[in-house]
Amino acid sequence: MNILIAEDNLASRELLREILEMWGHSVYESQNGAEALACLESSDVELALLDIQMPVMDGLETIRRIRDSRFAFADGDRAERVCHER
């Protein structure tokens, strides 16, 4: 499964990444909600794990924008890739 971790705390992000990769998942990383949205537009993420409190855009606002938007997750015009695939 392709999983996005949106977490501003590096230690937490690294721990989650290590566990998820140990379980056989592909992991994408972002440091805030804005980067998470761009990552969702530009990759084939199947599950997003979002921190509630992040700089720039928190997890709750990120979820609101996902629900309110008309993302074309698998379509041609992809956002610049700002998430980091591991």
Protein backbone atom coordinates (compact mmCIF):
# COMPACT_ATOMS: atom_id res chain seq x y z
CA MET A 1 0.00 0.00 0.00
CA ASN A 2 1.20 3.55 -0.74
CA ILE A 3 0.98 5.60 2.44
CA LEU A 4 1.53 9.32 3.00
CA ILE A 5 2.83 10.52 6.37
CA ALA A 6 2.12 14.22 6.96
CA GLU A 7 4.01 15.08 10.14
CA ASP A 8 6.18 18.06 11.04
CA ASN A 9 8.14 16.20 13.74
CA LEU A 10 11.09 14.48 12.05
CA ALA A 11 11.54 11.81 14.74
CA SER A 12 7.86 10.81 14.59
CA ARG A 13 7.94 10.75 10.78
CA GLU A 14 11.05 8.57 10.72
CA LEU A 15 9.61 6.12 13.28
CA LEU A 16 6.34 5.77 11.34
CA ARG A 17 8.26 5.35 8.08
CA GLU A 18 10.45 2.58 9.53
CA ILE A 19 7.45 0.67 10.89
CA LEU A 20 5.40 1.01 7.70
CA GLU A 21 8.32 -0.01 5.49
CA MET A 22 9.01 -2.99 7.77
CA TRP A 23 5.41 -4.05 7.10
CA GLY A 24 6.05 -3.80 3.34
CA HIS A 25 4.41 -0.46 2.50
CA SER A 26 5.71 2.31 0.24
CA VAL A 27 5.94 5.59 2.13
CA TYR A 28 5.65 9.22 1.05
CA GLU A 29 6.46 12.04 3.45
CA SER A 30 5.43 15.66 3.85
CA GLN A 31 6.00 18.20 6.61
CA ASN A 32 2.66 20.01 6.52
CA GLY A 33 -0.82 19.93 5.04
CA ALA A 34 0.03 22.03 2.00
CA GLU A 35 2.77 19.59 1.01
CA ALA A 36 0.40 16.70 1.73
CA LEU A 37 -2.19 18.09 -0.71
CA ALA A 38 0.45 18.47 -3.42
CA CYS A 39 1.63 14.94 -2.74
CA LEU A 40 -1.90 13.58 -3.02
CA GLU A 41 -2.26 15.27 -6.40
CA SER A 42 1.05 14.01 -7.72
CA SER A 43 1.29 10.43 -6.48
CA ASP A 44 -0.72 7.28 -6.05
CA VAL A 45 -1.30 7.52 -2.28
CA GLU A 46 -3.90 5.07 -0.95
CA LEU A 47 -3.83 6.12 2.72
CA ALA A 48 -2.83 9.39 4.39
CA LEU A 49 -1.78 9.65 8.04
CA LEU A 50 -2.11 13.31 9.05
CA ASP A 51 -0.86 15.06 12.17
CA ILE A 52 -3.47 17.39 13.63
CA GLN A 53 -1.08 20.24 14.53
CA MET A 54 1.36 21.22 11.78
CA PRO A 55 2.71 24.55 10.50
CA VAL A 56 1.42 26.09 7.25
CA MET A 57 -1.74 23.93 7.20
CA ASP A 58 -2.89 21.59 9.96
CA GLY A 59 -4.37 18.15 9.49
CA LEU A 60 -7.96 19.24 10.03
CA GLU A 61 -7.74 21.96 7.36
CA THR A 62 -6.07 19.45 5.04
CA ILE A 63 -9.01 17.05 5.46
CA ARG A 64 -11.50 19.90 4.85
CA ARG A 65 -9.75 20.81 1.61
CA ILE A 66 -9.66 17.18 0.47
CA ARG A 67 -13.39 16.82 1.12
CA ASP A 68 -14.24 20.17 -0.50
CA SER A 69 -12.06 19.75 -3.55
CA ARG A 70 -12.47 17.89 -6.75
CA PHE A 71 -9.07 16.28 -6.79
CA ALA A 72 -8.27 14.35 -9.92
CA PHE A 73 -5.75 12.17 -8.13
CA ALA A 74 -4.94 9.97 -11.09
CA ASP A 75 -5.28 12.53 -13.91
CA GLY A 76 -2.70 14.16 -16.13
CA ASP A 77 -2.05 17.61 -14.63
CA ARG A 78 0.03 16.72 -11.62
CA ALA A 79 1.33 19.20 -9.05
CA GLU A 80 5.05 19.67 -8.57
CA ARG A 81 6.25 16.80 -6.44
CA VAL A 82 7.06 18.04 -2.95
CA CYS A 83 6.48 14.83 -1.07
CA HIS A 84 9.39 12.52 -0.53
CA GLU A 85 9.05 8.90 -1.54
CA ARG A 86 11.08 6.47 0.53
